[in-house]
Amino acid sequence: LPTHIIRRVTIEELDDLVDDVKGLIDSGYDRTDAIYDTVRQFIASSKIFRFLSSSEQEYWDSYIMFEEPLVDYVKEKL
């Protein structure tokens, strides 16, 4: 994971994220949907991922900067 994520989350939070995805998959949820839905919820519910931006494009660029590595991390751990 990039350092801009490692500075913001703990290993325990990342483990919980992976466990949440595994739980959804085990209950019959589509793998891809489970990963993306859970990562998006993780980002949305955490105050550490608040984005300050002057435009909608800057907001989404900032969001993707966190979403993509977290999705890749979860996929690697599954």
N, C-alpha and C. Protein backbone atom coordinates (compact mmCIF):
# COMPACT_ATOMS: atom_id res chain seq x y z
N LEU A 1 0.83 -1.20 0.00
CA LEU A 1 0.00 0.00 0.00
C LEU A 1 0.87 1.25 0.00
N PRO A 2 0.40 2.28 -0.66
CA PRO A 2 1.14 3.54 -0.66
C PRO A 2 1.16 4.17 0.74
N THR A 3 2.18 4.95 0.98
CA THR A 3 2.33 5.56 2.30
C THR A 3 1.18 6.49 2.66
N HIS A 4 0.54 7.12 1.66
CA HIS A 4 -0.57 8.02 2.00
C HIS A 4 -1.77 7.25 2.57
N ILE A 5 -1.80 5.96 2.39
CA ILE A 5 -2.85 5.14 3.01
C ILE A 5 -2.33 4.55 4.33
N ILE A 6 -1.12 4.07 4.33
CA ILE A 6 -0.55 3.47 5.54
C ILE A 6 -0.55 4.46 6.70
N ARG A 7 -0.35 5.74 6.40
CA ARG A 7 -0.36 6.75 7.46
C ARG A 7 -1.76 6.95 8.05
N ARG A 8 -2.79 6.58 7.32
CA ARG A 8 -4.15 6.89 7.73
C ARG A 8 -4.91 5.73 8.36
N VAL A 9 -4.49 4.51 8.10
CA VAL A 9 -5.24 3.35 8.62
C VAL A 9 -4.30 2.39 9.34
N THR A 10 -4.88 1.65 10.25
CA THR A 10 -4.11 0.65 10.98
C THR A 10 -4.23 -0.71 10.30
N ILE A 11 -3.34 -1.59 10.66
CA ILE A 11 -3.41 -2.97 10.13
C ILE A 11 -4.72 -3.61 10.55
N GLU A 12 -5.17 -3.32 11.77
CA GLU A 12 -6.43 -3.89 12.25
C GLU A 12 -7.60 -3.44 11.38
N GLU A 13 -7.61 -2.18 10.99
CA GLU A 13 -8.68 -1.68 10.12
C GLU A 13 -8.63 -2.35 8.76
N LEU A 14 -7.44 -2.56 8.24
CA LEU A 14 -7.30 -3.25 6.96
C LEU A 14 -7.73 -4.71 7.07
N ASP A 15 -7.38 -5.35 8.18
CA ASP A 15 -7.82 -6.73 8.40
C ASP A 15 -9.34 -6.82 8.48
N ASP A 16 -9.95 -5.86 9.18
CA ASP A 16 -11.41 -5.82 9.27
C ASP A 16 -12.04 -5.62 7.90
N LEU A 17 -11.43 -4.77 7.09
CA LEU A 17 -11.93 -4.53 5.74
C LEU A 17 -11.94 -5.83 4.93
N VAL A 18 -10.83 -6.54 4.98
CA VAL A 18 -10.74 -7.82 4.25
C VAL A 18 -11.74 -8.83 4.82
N ASP A 19 -11.86 -8.90 6.13
CA ASP A 19 -12.82 -9.82 6.75
C ASP A 19 -14.26 -9.50 6.34
N ASP A 20 -14.59 -8.20 6.26
CA ASP A 20 -15.93 -7.80 5.83
C ASP A 20 -16.21 -8.26 4.40
N VAL A 21 -15.22 -8.11 3.54
CA VAL A 21 -15.39 -8.55 2.15
C VAL A 21 -15.55 -10.06 2.10
N LYS A 22 -14.72 -10.79 2.83
CA LYS A 22 -14.82 -12.25 2.86
C LYS A 22 -16.20 -12.69 3.34
N GLY A 23 -16.72 -12.00 4.36
CA GLY A 23 -18.04 -12.34 4.87
C GLY A 23 -19.13 -12.17 3.82
N LEU A 24 -19.05 -11.08 3.07
CA LEU A 24 -20.04 -10.86 2.01
C LEU A 24 -19.93 -11.93 0.92
N ILE A 25 -18.71 -12.23 0.53
CA ILE A 25 -18.51 -13.25 -0.51
C ILE A 25 -19.03 -14.61 -0.02
N ASP A 26 -18.72 -14.95 1.22
CA ASP A 26 -19.18 -16.23 1.79
C ASP A 26 -20.71 -16.30 1.87
N SER A 27 -21.36 -15.14 1.98
CA SER A 27 -22.83 -15.15 2.06
C SER A 27 -23.49 -15.08 0.68
N GLY A 28 -22.67 -15.17 -0.39
CA GLY A 28 -23.23 -15.26 -1.72
C GLY A 28 -23.14 -13.98 -2.54
N TYR A 29 -22.56 -12.95 -1.99
CA TYR A 29 -22.40 -11.68 -2.70
C TYR A 29 -21.40 -11.86 -3.84
N ASP A 30 -21.61 -11.19 -4.94
CA ASP A 30 -20.66 -11.20 -6.05
C ASP A 30 -19.31 -10.67 -5.56
N ARG A 31 -18.22 -11.33 -5.92
CA ARG A 31 -16.88 -10.97 -5.43
C ARG A 31 -16.53 -9.51 -5.73
N THR A 32 -16.69 -9.11 -6.98
CA THR A 32 -16.33 -7.74 -7.37
C THR A 32 -17.19 -6.72 -6.66
N ASP A 33 -18.49 -6.97 -6.60
CA ASP A 33 -19.39 -6.05 -5.90
C ASP A 33 -19.03 -5.96 -4.43
N ALA A 34 -18.71 -7.09 -3.82
CA ALA A 34 -18.36 -7.09 -2.40
C ALA A 34 -17.11 -6.25 -2.15
N ILE A 35 -16.12 -6.39 -3.00
CA ILE A 35 -14.88 -5.63 -2.83
C ILE A 35 -15.14 -4.14 -2.97
N TYR A 36 -15.74 -3.74 -4.09
CA TYR A 36 -15.93 -2.32 -4.35
C TYR A 36 -16.92 -1.69 -3.36
N ASP A 37 -18.01 -2.38 -3.06
CA ASP A 37 -18.99 -1.82 -2.12
C ASP A 37 -18.38 -1.62 -0.73
N THR A 38 -17.61 -2.60 -0.28
CA THR A 38 -17.03 -2.52 1.05
C THR A 38 -15.93 -1.46 1.13
N VAL A 39 -15.10 -1.37 0.10
CA VAL A 39 -14.06 -0.34 0.08
C VAL A 39 -14.70 1.05 0.04
N ARG A 40 -15.73 1.21 -0.77
CA ARG A 40 -16.41 2.51 -0.84
C ARG A 40 -17.03 2.88 0.49
N GLN A 41 -17.63 1.92 1.17
CA GLN A 41 -18.21 2.18 2.48
C GLN A 41 -17.11 2.53 3.49
N PHE A 42 -16.01 1.83 3.42
CA PHE A 42 -14.87 2.09 4.31
C PHE A 42 -14.37 3.52 4.14
N ILE A 43 -14.22 3.95 2.91
CA ILE A 43 -13.76 5.31 2.63
C ILE A 43 -14.80 6.33 3.09
N ALA A 44 -16.05 6.08 2.77
CA ALA A 44 -17.12 7.03 3.10
C ALA A 44 -17.34 7.18 4.60
N SER A 45 -17.14 6.11 5.34
CA SER A 45 -17.43 6.15 6.78
C SER A 45 -16.25 6.63 7.63
N SER A 46 -15.11 6.81 7.02
CA SER A 46 -13.92 7.20 7.77
C SER A 46 -13.63 8.69 7.61
N LYS A 47 -13.45 9.36 8.72
CA LYS A 47 -13.15 10.79 8.70
C LYS A 47 -11.77 11.08 8.13
N ILE A 48 -10.90 10.11 8.12
CA ILE A 48 -9.54 10.35 7.63
C ILE A 48 -9.48 10.47 6.12
N PHE A 49 -10.53 10.11 5.44
CA PHE A 49 -10.54 10.19 3.98
C PHE A 49 -11.37 11.36 3.47
N ARG A 50 -11.48 12.42 4.24
CA ARG A 50 -12.22 13.60 3.78
C ARG A 50 -11.39 14.31 2.72
N PHE A 51 -12.05 14.72 1.66
CA PHE A 51 -11.35 15.32 0.53
C PHE A 51 -11.70 16.79 0.40
N LEU A 52 -10.69 17.61 0.37
CA LEU A 52 -10.87 19.04 0.11
C LEU A 52 -10.52 19.28 -1.35
N SER A 53 -11.45 19.85 -2.07
CA SER A 53 -11.18 20.08 -3.48
C SER A 53 -11.95 21.29 -3.96
N SER A 54 -11.44 21.87 -5.00
CA SER A 54 -12.10 23.05 -5.55
C SER A 54 -12.98 22.71 -6.75
N SER A 55 -12.93 21.46 -7.18
CA SER A 55 -13.77 21.06 -8.30
C SER A 55 -14.17 19.60 -8.14
N GLU A 56 -15.18 19.22 -8.87
CA GLU A 56 -15.63 17.83 -8.82
C GLU A 56 -14.55 16.89 -9.33
N GLN A 57 -13.80 17.30 -10.35
CA GLN A 57 -12.73 16.46 -10.89
C GLN A 57 -11.63 16.23 -9.84
N GLU A 58 -11.27 17.27 -9.10
CA GLU A 58 -10.26 17.12 -8.05
C GLU A 58 -10.74 16.15 -6.97
N TYR A 59 -12.03 16.25 -6.64
CA TYR A 59 -12.60 15.34 -5.65
C TYR A 59 -12.44 13.89 -6.11
N TRP A 60 -12.85 13.59 -7.33
CA TRP A 60 -12.80 12.21 -7.82
C TRP A 60 -11.36 11.73 -8.00
N ASP A 61 -10.47 12.63 -8.41
CA ASP A 61 -9.05 12.25 -8.51
C ASP A 61 -8.52 11.85 -7.14
N SER A 62 -8.87 12.62 -6.12
CA SER A 62 -8.44 12.31 -4.74
C SER A 62 -9.06 11.01 -4.27
N TYR A 63 -10.33 10.81 -4.57
CA TYR A 63 -11.03 9.60 -4.15
C TYR A 63 -10.37 8.36 -4.76
N ILE A 64 -10.11 8.40 -6.06
CA ILE A 64 -9.50 7.27 -6.76
C ILE A 64 -8.11 6.97 -6.22
N MET A 65 -7.41 8.00 -5.77
CA MET A 65 -6.08 7.83 -5.20
C MET A 65 -6.11 6.90 -3.98
N PHE A 66 -7.26 6.85 -3.29
CA PHE A 66 -7.41 5.95 -2.15
C PHE A 66 -8.11 4.66 -2.53
N GLU A 67 -9.12 4.75 -3.39
CA GLU A 67 -9.91 3.56 -3.72
C GLU A 67 -9.09 2.50 -4.43
N GLU A 68 -8.36 2.86 -5.45
CA GLU A 68 -7.64 1.86 -6.25
C GLU A 68 -6.65 1.04 -5.43
N PRO A 69 -5.79 1.67 -4.61
CA PRO A 69 -4.86 0.83 -3.83
C PRO A 69 -5.57 -0.04 -2.78
N LEU A 70 -6.66 0.47 -2.21
CA LEU A 70 -7.39 -0.35 -1.23
C LEU A 70 -8.05 -1.54 -1.91
N VAL A 71 -8.61 -1.35 -3.08
CA VAL A 71 -9.21 -2.45 -3.84
C VAL A 71 -8.13 -3.48 -4.17
N ASP A 72 -6.99 -3.01 -4.65
CA ASP A 72 -5.88 -3.92 -4.99
C ASP A 72 -5.42 -4.69 -3.75
N TYR A 73 -5.35 -4.03 -2.61
CA TYR A 73 -4.94 -4.67 -1.36
C TYR A 73 -5.90 -5.79 -0.98
N VAL A 74 -7.20 -5.48 -1.03
CA VAL A 74 -8.20 -6.48 -0.67
C VAL A 74 -8.13 -7.67 -1.63
N LYS A 75 -8.03 -7.41 -2.91
CA LYS A 75 -7.94 -8.49 -3.90
C LYS A 75 -6.73 -9.39 -3.61
N GLU A 76 -5.62 -8.77 -3.25
CA GLU A 76 -4.40 -9.53 -2.95
C GLU A 76 -4.57 -10.40 -1.72
N LYS A 77 -5.31 -9.92 -0.73
CA LYS A 77 -5.51 -10.66 0.52
C LYS A 77 -6.55 -11.76 0.42
N LEU A 78 -7.39 -11.68 -0.60
CA LEU A 78 -8.39 -12.73 -0.77
C LEU A 78 -7.72 -13.91 -1.39
